[in-house]
Amino acid sequence: MAIEEKADLPAFLIHDSPREADLDGQLYAGLFKLVHQWEEAGTPCFQYIVTTTTAPPPELQDERYVRLQMSSTPADMRLFAMDI
């Protein structure tokens, strides 16, 4: 709805935890390829937020695309940098 300017909300797509282990490798890579193609065609009208335990394709691993990298260990690599 935000993309269509029918809601006063930020326009974003959240894709929570796609994992290559759960998908065919080509399908997993295709998710990233599709969104990257949208960006190359022009400035997208939304932000794509993806959380995953599998690294994105190598061409999408630089600081332009990866904004936050977390891990369960050590604790300072967690979302709040501590045990909760």
PDB file of N, CA and C in Angstrom:
ATOM      1  N   MET A   1       0.817  -1.193   0.000  1.00  0.00           N
ATOM      2  CA  MET A   1       0.000   0.000   0.000  1.00  0.00           C
ATOM      3  C   MET A   1       0.862   1.258   0.000  1.00  0.00           C
ATOM      4  N   ALA A   2       1.996   1.213   0.716  1.00  0.00           N
ATOM      5  CA  ALA A   2       2.866   2.388   0.747  1.00  0.00           C
ATOM      6  C   ALA A   2       3.455   2.672  -0.638  1.00  0.00           C
ATOM      7  N   ILE A   3       3.780   1.627  -1.379  1.00  0.00           N
ATOM      8  CA  ILE A   3       4.324   1.799  -2.728  1.00  0.00           C
ATOM      9  C   ILE A   3       3.306   2.490  -3.630  1.00  0.00           C
ATOM     10  N   GLU A   4       2.032   2.174  -3.424  1.00  0.00           N
ATOM     11  CA  GLU A   4       0.964   2.767  -4.220  1.00  0.00           C
ATOM     12  C   GLU A   4       0.479   4.087  -3.634  1.00  0.00           C
ATOM     13  N   GLU A   5       1.182   4.600  -2.614  1.00  0.00           N
ATOM     14  CA  GLU A   5       0.852   5.853  -1.932  1.00  0.00           C
ATOM     15  C   GLU A   5      -0.561   5.838  -1.360  1.00  0.00           C
ATOM     16  N   LYS A   6      -0.979   4.663  -0.861  1.00  0.00           N
ATOM     17  CA  LYS A   6      -2.284   4.531  -0.225  1.00  0.00           C
ATOM     18  C   LYS A   6      -2.154   4.426   1.292  1.00  0.00           C
ATOM     19  N   ALA A   7      -0.925   4.571   1.789  1.00  0.00           N
ATOM     20  CA  ALA A   7      -0.680   4.526   3.236  1.00  0.00           C
ATOM     21  C   ALA A   7       0.521   5.400   3.547  1.00  0.00           C
ATOM     22  N   ASP A   8       0.471   6.101   4.664  1.00  0.00           N
ATOM     23  CA  ASP A   8       1.593   6.945   5.082  1.00  0.00           C
ATOM     24  C   ASP A   8       2.563   6.119   5.916  1.00  0.00           C
ATOM     25  N   LEU A   9       3.154   5.151   5.285  1.00  0.00           N
ATOM     26  CA  LEU A   9       4.107   4.247   5.932  1.00  0.00           C
ATOM     27  C   LEU A   9       5.352   4.154   5.061  1.00  0.00           C
ATOM     28  N   PRO A  10       6.484   3.793   5.652  1.00  0.00           N
ATOM     29  CA  PRO A  10       7.677   3.566   4.828  1.00  0.00           C
ATOM     30  C   PRO A  10       7.428   2.395   3.874  1.00  0.00           C
ATOM     31  N   ALA A  11       7.915   2.501   2.683  1.00  0.00           N
ATOM     32  CA  ALA A  11       7.740   1.429   1.699  1.00  0.00           C
ATOM     33  C   ALA A  11       8.921   0.471   1.799  1.00  0.00           C
ATOM     34  N   PHE A  12       8.677  -0.703   2.339  1.00  0.00           N
ATOM     35  CA  PHE A  12       9.734  -1.695   2.418  1.00  0.00           C
ATOM     36  C   PHE A  12       9.158  -3.096   2.355  1.00  0.00           C
ATOM     37  N   LEU A  13      10.007  -4.027   1.961  1.00  0.00           N
ATOM     38  CA  LEU A  13       9.674  -5.442   1.896  1.00  0.00           C
ATOM     39  C   LEU A  13      10.621  -6.149   2.846  1.00  0.00           C
ATOM     40  N   ILE A  14      10.072  -6.872   3.808  1.00  0.00           N
ATOM     41  CA  ILE A  14      10.900  -7.639   4.739  1.00  0.00           C
ATOM     42  C   ILE A  14      10.805  -9.102   4.347  1.00  0.00           C
ATOM     43  N   HIS A  15      11.945  -9.700   4.148  1.00  0.00           N
ATOM     44  CA  HIS A  15      12.037 -11.114   3.797  1.00  0.00           C
ATOM     45  C   HIS A  15      12.817 -11.781   4.926  1.00  0.00           C
ATOM     46  N   ASP A  16      12.120 -12.474   5.795  1.00  0.00           N
ATOM     47  CA  ASP A  16      12.731 -13.020   6.999  1.00  0.00           C
ATOM     48  C   ASP A  16      13.246 -14.434   6.782  1.00  0.00           C
ATOM     49  N   SER A  17      14.550 -14.565   6.873  1.00  0.00           N
ATOM     50  CA  SER A  17      15.272 -15.832   6.950  1.00  0.00           C
ATOM     51  C   SER A  17      15.161 -16.798   5.776  1.00  0.00           C
ATOM     52  N   PRO A  18      15.245 -16.347   4.535  1.00  0.00           N
ATOM     53  CA  PRO A  18      15.377 -17.357   3.485  1.00  0.00           C
ATOM     54  C   PRO A  18      16.750 -18.013   3.642  1.00  0.00           C
ATOM     55  N   ARG A  19      16.789 -19.314   3.544  1.00  0.00           N
ATOM     56  CA  ARG A  19      18.065 -20.013   3.685  1.00  0.00           C
ATOM     57  C   ARG A  19      18.268 -20.907   2.477  1.00  0.00           C
ATOM     58  N   GLU A  20      19.475 -20.943   2.005  1.00  0.00           N
ATOM     59  CA  GLU A  20      19.779 -21.787   0.863  1.00  0.00           C
ATOM     60  C   GLU A  20      19.477 -23.246   1.192  1.00  0.00           C
ATOM     61  N   ALA A  21      19.649 -23.645   2.467  1.00  0.00           N
ATOM     62  CA  ALA A  21      19.373 -25.030   2.863  1.00  0.00           C
ATOM     63  C   ALA A  21      17.892 -25.373   2.717  1.00  0.00           C
ATOM     64  N   ASP A  22      17.012 -24.367   2.789  1.00  0.00           N
ATOM     65  CA  ASP A  22      15.573 -24.596   2.681  1.00  0.00           C
ATOM     66  C   ASP A  22      15.049 -24.439   1.256  1.00  0.00           C
ATOM     67  N   LEU A  23      15.859 -23.896   0.395  1.00  0.00           N
ATOM     68  CA  LEU A  23      15.449 -23.644  -0.983  1.00  0.00           C
ATOM     69  C   LEU A  23      16.468 -24.249  -1.932  1.00  0.00           C
ATOM     70  N   ASP A  24      16.063 -24.448  -3.144  1.00  0.00           N
ATOM     71  CA  ASP A  24      17.012 -24.792  -4.183  1.00  0.00           C
ATOM     72  C   ASP A  24      17.996 -23.633  -4.318  1.00  0.00           C
ATOM     73  N   GLY A  25      19.271 -23.917  -4.503  1.00  0.00           N
ATOM     74  CA  GLY A  25      20.292 -22.880  -4.603  1.00  0.00           C
ATOM     75  C   GLY A  25      20.002 -21.829  -5.657  1.00  0.00           C
ATOM     76  N   GLN A  26      19.468 -22.255  -6.788  1.00  0.00           N
ATOM     77  CA  GLN A  26      19.153 -21.298  -7.849  1.00  0.00           C
ATOM     78  C   GLN A  26      17.982 -20.401  -7.460  1.00  0.00           C
ATOM     79  N   LEU A  27      17.015 -20.955  -6.765  1.00  0.00           N
ATOM     80  CA  LEU A  27      15.883 -20.154  -6.303  1.00  0.00           C
ATOM     81  C   LEU A  27      16.345 -19.126  -5.274  1.00  0.00           C
ATOM     82  N   TYR A  28      17.202 -19.546  -4.343  1.00  0.00           N
ATOM     83  CA  TYR A  28      17.745 -18.637  -3.330  1.00  0.00           C
ATOM     84  C   TYR A  28      18.492 -17.483  -4.002  1.00  0.00           C
ATOM     85  N   ALA A  29      19.394 -17.797  -4.913  1.00  0.00           N
ATOM     86  CA  ALA A  29      20.150 -16.760  -5.618  1.00  0.00           C
ATOM     87  C   ALA A  29      19.221 -15.887  -6.460  1.00  0.00           C
ATOM     88  N   GLY A  30      18.159 -16.497  -6.987  1.00  0.00           N
ATOM     89  CA  GLY A  30      17.205 -15.747  -7.804  1.00  0.00           C
ATOM     90  C   GLY A  30      16.477 -14.655  -7.036  1.00  0.00           C
ATOM     91  N   LEU A  31      16.240 -14.873  -5.730  1.00  0.00           N
ATOM     92  CA  LEU A  31      15.612 -13.826  -4.915  1.00  0.00           C
ATOM     93  C   LEU A  31      16.453 -12.561  -4.926  1.00  0.00           C
ATOM     94  N   PHE A  32      17.744 -12.728  -4.708  1.00  0.00           N
ATOM     95  CA  PHE A  32      18.651 -11.585  -4.684  1.00  0.00           C
ATOM     96  C   PHE A  32      18.828 -10.999  -6.075  1.00  0.00           C
ATOM     97  N   LYS A  33      18.903 -11.858  -7.074  1.00  0.00           N
ATOM     98  CA  LYS A  33      19.085 -11.384  -8.441  1.00  0.00           C
ATOM     99  C   LYS A  33      17.903 -10.520  -8.881  1.00  0.00           C
ATOM    100  N   LEU A  34      16.692 -10.951  -8.534  1.00  0.00           N
ATOM    101  CA  LEU A  34      15.500 -10.199  -8.909  1.00  0.00           C
ATOM    102  C   LEU A  34      15.516  -8.796  -8.306  1.00  0.00           C
ATOM    103  N   VAL A  35      15.784  -8.700  -7.021  1.00  0.00           N
ATOM    104  CA  VAL A  35      15.799  -7.392  -6.360  1.00  0.00           C
ATOM    105  C   VAL A  35      16.934  -6.537  -6.905  1.00  0.00           C
ATOM    106  N   HIS A  36      18.076  -7.151  -7.197  1.00  0.00           N
ATOM    107  CA  HIS A  36      19.209  -6.407  -7.764  1.00  0.00           C
ATOM    108  C   HIS A  36      18.852  -5.873  -9.152  1.00  0.00           C
ATOM    109  N   GLN A  37      18.120  -6.638  -9.932  1.00  0.00           N
ATOM    110  CA  GLN A  37      17.687  -6.170 -11.257  1.00  0.00           C
ATOM    111  C   GLN A  37      16.757  -4.970 -11.130  1.00  0.00           C
ATOM    112  N   TRP A  38      15.866  -4.999 -10.135  1.00  0.00           N
ATOM    113  CA  TRP A  38      14.982  -3.857  -9.909  1.00  0.00           C
ATOM    114  C   TRP A  38      15.794  -2.608  -9.630  1.00  0.00           C
ATOM    115  N   GLU A  39      16.843  -2.757  -8.806  1.00  0.00           N
ATOM    116  CA  GLU A  39      17.672  -1.609  -8.474  1.00  0.00           C
ATOM    117  C   GLU A  39      18.410  -1.091  -9.705  1.00  0.00           C
ATOM    118  N   GLU A  40      18.941  -1.992 -10.508  1.00  0.00           N
ATOM    119  CA  GLU A  40      19.689  -1.582 -11.698  1.00  0.00           C
ATOM    120  C   GLU A  40      18.788  -0.869 -12.708  1.00  0.00           C
ATOM    121  N   ALA A  41      17.495  -1.178 -12.699  1.00  0.00           N
ATOM    122  CA  ALA A  41      16.556  -0.553 -13.635  1.00  0.00           C
ATOM    123  C   ALA A  41      16.215   0.879 -13.224  1.00  0.00           C
ATOM    124  N   GLY A  42      16.535   1.241 -12.014  1.00  0.00           N
ATOM    125  CA  GLY A  42      16.227   2.577 -11.502  1.00  0.00           C
ATOM    126  C   GLY A  42      16.069   2.505 -10.002  1.00  0.00           C
ATOM    127  N   THR A  43      15.965   3.634  -9.376  1.00  0.00           N
ATOM    128  CA  THR A  43      15.818   3.650  -7.925  1.00  0.00           C
ATOM    129  C   THR A  43      14.500   2.981  -7.545  1.00  0.00           C
ATOM    130  N   PRO A  44      14.572   1.892  -6.771  1.00  0.00           N
ATOM    131  CA  PRO A  44      13.331   1.216  -6.369  1.00  0.00           C
ATOM    132  C   PRO A  44      12.477   2.126  -5.484  1.00  0.00           C
ATOM    133  N   CYS A  45      11.187   1.887  -5.483  1.00  0.00           N
ATOM    134  CA  CYS A  45      10.284   2.699  -4.676  1.00  0.00           C
ATOM    135  C   CYS A  45      10.090   2.110  -3.284  1.00  0.00           C
ATOM    136  N   PHE A  46      10.950   1.159  -2.909  1.00  0.00           N
ATOM    137  CA  PHE A  46      10.876   0.566  -1.581  1.00  0.00           C
ATOM    138  C   PHE A  46      12.252   0.049  -1.175  1.00  0.00           C
ATOM    139  N   GLN A  47      12.403  -0.217   0.094  1.00  0.00           N
ATOM    140  CA  GLN A  47      13.641  -0.781   0.627  1.00  0.00           C
ATOM    141  C   GLN A  47      13.411  -2.263   0.869  1.00  0.00           C
ATOM    142  N   TYR A  48      14.364  -3.094   0.455  1.00  0.00           N
ATOM    143  CA  TYR A  48      14.292  -4.538   0.645  1.00  0.00           C
ATOM    144  C   TYR A  48      15.157  -4.900   1.834  1.00  0.00           C
ATOM    145  N   ILE A  49      14.536  -5.476   2.865  1.00  0.00           N
ATOM    146  CA  ILE A  49      15.246  -5.889   4.067  1.00  0.00           C
ATOM    147  C   ILE A  49      15.179  -7.404   4.126  1.00  0.00           C
ATOM    148  N   VAL A  50      16.333  -8.040   4.143  1.00  0.00           N
ATOM    149  CA  VAL A  50      16.368  -9.501   4.183  1.00  0.00           C
ATOM    150  C   VAL A  50      17.250  -9.954   5.332  1.00  0.00           C
ATOM    151  N   THR A  51      16.755 -10.916   6.096  1.00  0.00           N
ATOM    152  CA  THR A  51      17.556 -11.542   7.144  1.00  0.00           C
ATOM    153  C   THR A  51      17.779 -12.982   6.719  1.00  0.00           C
ATOM    154  N   THR A  52      19.012 -13.427   6.759  1.00  0.00           N
ATOM    155  CA  THR A  52      19.321 -14.772   6.299  1.00  0.00           C
ATOM    156  C   THR A  52      20.559 -15.310   6.997  1.00  0.00           C
ATOM    157  N   THR A  53      20.638 -16.617   7.093  1.00  0.00           N
ATOM    158  CA  THR A  53      21.821 -17.246   7.680  1.00  0.00           C
ATOM    159  C   THR A  53      22.799 -17.677   6.595  1.00  0.00           C
ATOM    160  N   THR A  54      22.407 -17.521   5.349  1.00  0.00           N
ATOM    161  CA  THR A  54      23.262 -17.863   4.221  1.00  0.00           C
ATOM    162  C   THR A  54      23.704 -16.569   3.542  1.00  0.00           C
ATOM    163  N   ALA A  55      24.966 -16.482   3.230  1.00  0.00           N
ATOM    164  CA  ALA A  55      25.491 -15.259   2.606  1.00  0.00           C
ATOM    165  C   ALA A  55      24.810 -14.996   1.272  1.00  0.00           C
ATOM    166  N   PRO A  56      24.599 -13.721   0.951  1.00  0.00           N
ATOM    167  CA  PRO A  56      24.059 -13.380  -0.368  1.00  0.00           C
ATOM    168  C   PRO A  56      25.106 -13.667  -1.442  1.00  0.00           C
ATOM    169  N   PRO A  57      24.738 -13.600  -2.706  1.00  0.00           N
ATOM    170  CA  PRO A  57      25.715 -13.799  -3.774  1.00  0.00           C
ATOM    171  C   PRO A  57      26.902 -12.841  -3.605  1.00  0.00           C
ATOM    172  N   PRO A  58      28.095 -13.260  -4.005  1.00  0.00           N
ATOM    173  CA  PRO A  58      29.304 -12.446  -3.800  1.00  0.00           C
ATOM    174  C   PRO A  58      29.187 -11.002  -4.275  1.00  0.00           C
ATOM    175  N   GLU A  59      28.515 -10.762  -5.400  1.00  0.00           N
ATOM    176  CA  GLU A  59      28.410  -9.397  -5.923  1.00  0.00           C
ATOM    177  C   GLU A  59      27.527  -8.496  -5.061  1.00  0.00           C
ATOM    178  N   LEU A  60      26.823  -9.071  -4.101  1.00  0.00           N
ATOM    179  CA  LEU A  60      25.950  -8.284  -3.220  1.00  0.00           C
ATOM    180  C   LEU A  60      26.424  -8.307  -1.771  1.00  0.00           C
ATOM    181  N   GLN A  61      27.703  -8.567  -1.553  1.00  0.00           N
ATOM    182  CA  GLN A  61      28.223  -8.670  -0.194  1.00  0.00           C
ATOM    183  C   GLN A  61      29.003  -7.447   0.277  1.00  0.00           C
ATOM    184  N   ASP A  62      29.039  -6.371  -0.485  1.00  0.00           N
ATOM    185  CA  ASP A  62      29.805  -5.206  -0.033  1.00  0.00           C
ATOM    186  C   ASP A  62      28.950  -4.294   0.847  1.00  0.00           C
ATOM    187  N   GLU A  63      29.555  -3.245   1.373  1.00  0.00           N
ATOM    188  CA  GLU A  63      28.876  -2.360   2.330  1.00  0.00           C
ATOM    189  C   GLU A  63      27.695  -1.609   1.721  1.00  0.00           C
ATOM    190  N   ARG A  64      27.621  -1.559   0.409  1.00  0.00           N
ATOM    191  CA  ARG A  64      26.465  -0.912  -0.224  1.00  0.00           C
ATOM    192  C   ARG A  64      25.176  -1.699   0.027  1.00  0.00           C
ATOM    193  N   TYR A  65      25.307  -3.016   0.127  1.00  0.00           N
ATOM    194  CA  TYR A  65      24.141  -3.877   0.282  1.00  0.00           C
ATOM    195  C   TYR A  65      24.006  -4.470   1.677  1.00  0.00           C
ATOM    196  N   VAL A  66      25.098  -4.838   2.299  1.00  0.00           N
ATOM    197  CA  VAL A  66      25.046  -5.442   3.628  1.00  0.00           C
ATOM    198  C   VAL A  66      25.224  -4.331   4.651  1.00  0.00           C
ATOM    199  N   ARG A  67      24.169  -4.014   5.386  1.00  0.00           N
ATOM    200  CA  ARG A  67      24.197  -2.907   6.344  1.00  0.00           C
ATOM    201  C   ARG A  67      24.468  -3.367   7.757  1.00  0.00           C
ATOM    202  N   LEU A  68      24.095  -4.589   8.071  1.00  0.00           N
ATOM    203  CA  LEU A  68      24.301  -5.110   9.416  1.00  0.00           C
ATOM    204  C   LEU A  68      24.543  -6.599   9.313  1.00  0.00           C
ATOM    205  N   GLN A  69      25.623  -7.044   9.902  1.00  0.00           N
ATOM    206  CA  GLN A  69      25.924  -8.468   9.928  1.00  0.00           C
ATOM    207  C   GLN A  69      25.988  -8.887  11.384  1.00  0.00           C
ATOM    208  N   MET A  70      25.198  -9.886  11.739  1.00  0.00           N
ATOM    209  CA  MET A  70      25.130 -10.340  13.127  1.00  0.00           C
ATOM    210  C   MET A  70      25.504 -11.812  13.213  1.00  0.00           C
ATOM    211  N   SER A  71      25.756 -12.249  14.449  1.00  0.00           N
ATOM    212  CA  SER A  71      26.084 -13.642  14.726  1.00  0.00           C
ATOM    213  C   SER A  71      25.650 -13.951  16.147  1.00  0.00           C
ATOM    214  N   SER A  72      25.407 -15.215  16.443  1.00  0.00           N
ATOM    215  CA  SER A  72      25.026 -15.587  17.804  1.00  0.00           C
ATOM    216  C   SER A  72      26.224 -15.573  18.749  1.00  0.00           C
ATOM    217  N   THR A  73      27.412 -15.710  18.211  1.00  0.00           N
ATOM    218  CA  THR A  73      28.631 -15.627  19.022  1.00  0.00           C
ATOM    219  C   THR A  73      29.670 -14.831  18.257  1.00  0.00           C
ATOM    220  N   PRO A  74      30.437 -14.031  18.905  1.00  0.00           N
ATOM    221  CA  PRO A  74      30.391 -13.644  20.311  1.00  0.00           C
ATOM    222  C   PRO A  74      29.199 -12.725  20.585  1.00  0.00           C
ATOM    223  N   ALA A  75      28.938 -12.477  21.857  1.00  0.00           N
ATOM    224  CA  ALA A  75      27.760 -11.703  22.256  1.00  0.00           C
ATOM    225  C   ALA A  75      27.717 -10.316  21.617  1.00  0.00           C
ATOM    226  N   ASP A  76      28.865  -9.691  21.400  1.00  0.00           N
ATOM    227  CA  ASP A  76      28.855  -8.336  20.824  1.00  0.00           C
ATOM    228  C   ASP A  76      28.441  -8.320  19.352  1.00  0.00           C
ATOM    229  N   MET A  77      28.282  -9.490  18.725  1.00  0.00           N
ATOM    230  CA  MET A  77      27.797  -9.573  17.340  1.00  0.00           C
ATOM    231  C   MET A  77      26.283  -9.779  17.282  1.00  0.00           C
ATOM    232  N   ARG A  78      25.617  -9.832  18.449  1.00  0.00           N
ATOM    233  CA  ARG A  78      24.168  -9.991  18.482  1.00  0.00           C
ATOM    234  C   ARG A  78      23.486  -8.659  18.293  1.00  0.00           C
ATOM    235  N   LEU A  79      22.179  -8.676  18.058  1.00  0.00           N
ATOM    236  CA  LEU A  79      21.430  -7.465  17.776  1.00  0.00           C
ATOM    237  C   LEU A  79      21.622  -6.398  18.837  1.00  0.00           C
ATOM    238  N   PHE A  80      21.516  -6.751  20.101  1.00  0.00           N
ATOM    239  CA  PHE A  80      21.694  -5.768  21.177  1.00  0.00           C
ATOM    240  C   PHE A  80      23.061  -5.900  21.847  1.00  0.00           C
ATOM    241  N   ALA A  81      23.953  -6.670  21.250  1.00  0.00           N
ATOM    242  CA  ALA A  81      25.337  -6.841  21.720  1.00  0.00           C
ATOM    243  C   ALA A  81      25.427  -7.351  23.151  1.00  0.00           C
ATOM    244  N   MET A  82      24.484  -8.204  23.525  1.00  0.00           N
ATOM    245  CA  MET A  82      24.504  -8.770  24.882  1.00  0.00           C
ATOM    246  C   MET A  82      23.573  -9.968  24.951  1.00  0.00           C
ATOM    247  N   ASP A  83      23.709 -10.747  26.041  1.00  0.00           N
ATOM    248  CA  ASP A  83      22.761 -11.808  26.332  1.00  0.00           C
ATOM    249  C   ASP A  83      21.484 -11.155  26.846  1.00  0.00           C
ATOM    250  N   ILE A  84      20.342 -11.614  26.395  1.00  0.00           N
ATOM    251  CA  ILE A  84      19.074 -11.049  26.867  1.00  0.00           C
ATOM    252  C   ILE A  84      18.368 -12.111  27.700  1.00  0.00           C
TER     253      ILE A  84
END
